[in-house]
Protein backbone atom coordinates (compact mmCIF):
# COMPACT_ATOMS: atom_id res chain seq x y z
CA UNK A 1 -266.41 -92.98 -5.20
CA UNK A 2 -266.41 -90.83 -2.06
CA UNK A 3 -268.55 -93.37 -0.22
CA UNK A 4 -266.02 -96.12 -0.94
CA UNK A 5 -263.14 -93.96 0.23
CA UNK A 6 -265.03 -93.10 3.42
CA UNK A 7 -265.83 -96.78 4.01
CA UNK A 8 -262.19 -97.79 3.53
CA UNK A 9 -261.06 -95.01 5.87
CA UNK A 10 -263.51 -96.11 8.58
CA UNK A 11 -262.45 -99.75 8.22
CA UNK A 12 -258.78 -98.80 8.51
CA UNK A 13 -259.47 -96.79 11.65
CA UNK A 14 -261.40 -99.70 13.18
CA UNK A 15 -258.67 -102.22 12.34
CA UNK A 16 -255.99 -99.91 13.71
CA UNK A 17 -257.88 -99.40 16.97
CA UNK A 18 -258.50 -103.15 17.32
CA UNK A 19 -254.81 -104.05 17.01
CA UNK A 20 -254.30 -104.14 20.78
CA UNK A 21 -257.30 -106.41 21.29
CA UNK A 22 -256.17 -108.69 18.47
CA UNK A 23 -252.73 -109.10 20.03
CA UNK A 24 -254.22 -109.81 23.48
CA UNK A 25 -256.22 -112.79 22.19
CA UNK A 26 -253.15 -114.21 20.46
CA UNK A 27 -253.87 -113.63 16.79
CA UNK A 28 -250.66 -111.67 16.31
CA UNK A 29 -248.38 -114.46 17.50
CA UNK A 30 -249.11 -117.19 14.99
CA UNK A 31 -246.31 -118.63 12.86
CA UNK A 32 -246.39 -116.52 9.71
CA UNK A 33 -247.18 -113.24 11.46
CA UNK A 34 -244.25 -110.87 11.15
CA UNK A 35 -243.46 -108.20 13.70
CA UNK A 36 -240.32 -106.13 13.10
CA UNK A 37 -238.70 -102.76 13.80
CA UNK A 38 -237.38 -100.49 11.07
CA UNK A 39 -236.10 -96.94 11.54
CA UNK A 40 -237.48 -96.79 15.07
CA UNK A 41 -241.01 -97.82 14.07
CA UNK A 42 -242.69 -101.13 14.70
CA UNK A 43 -244.42 -102.89 11.80
CA UNK A 44 -246.86 -105.79 12.04
CA UNK A 45 -247.71 -107.97 9.02
CA UNK A 46 -250.32 -110.62 10.02
CA UNK A 47 -250.21 -113.13 7.13
CA UNK A 48 -251.24 -116.22 9.12
CA UNK A 49 -253.85 -114.37 11.18
CA UNK A 50 -255.43 -112.97 8.02
CA UNK A 51 -255.69 -116.46 6.52
CA UNK A 52 -257.20 -117.84 9.75
CA UNK A 53 -259.78 -115.05 10.02
CA UNK A 54 -260.68 -115.43 6.33
CA UNK A 55 -261.24 -119.18 6.68
CA UNK A 56 -263.34 -118.71 9.83
CA UNK A 57 -265.50 -115.99 8.27
CA UNK A 58 -265.96 -118.02 5.08
CA UNK A 59 -267.02 -121.07 7.10
CA UNK A 60 -269.43 -119.00 9.18
CA UNK A 61 -271.02 -117.44 6.09
CA UNK A 62 -271.38 -120.85 4.41
CA UNK A 63 -272.99 -122.27 7.57
CA UNK A 64 -275.47 -119.40 7.81
CA UNK A 65 -276.30 -119.72 4.09
CA UNK A 66 -276.83 -123.47 4.51
CA UNK A 67 -279.13 -122.94 7.50
CA UNK A 68 -281.24 -120.39 5.67
């Protein structure tokens, strides 16, 4: 249980630190990605980017499995 919590924490830290890089390559500006301000804070909800990354990773994994 503690290992899973540690893994999730590390993944969240990595994703949070990669947010600037993700926005620079354009993944945060797809139609379906929401960026809004509420109570002085900025929130970013990347629905379309998440779908795109999921499809690309799935295709890559299927290609590697097919080649092996």
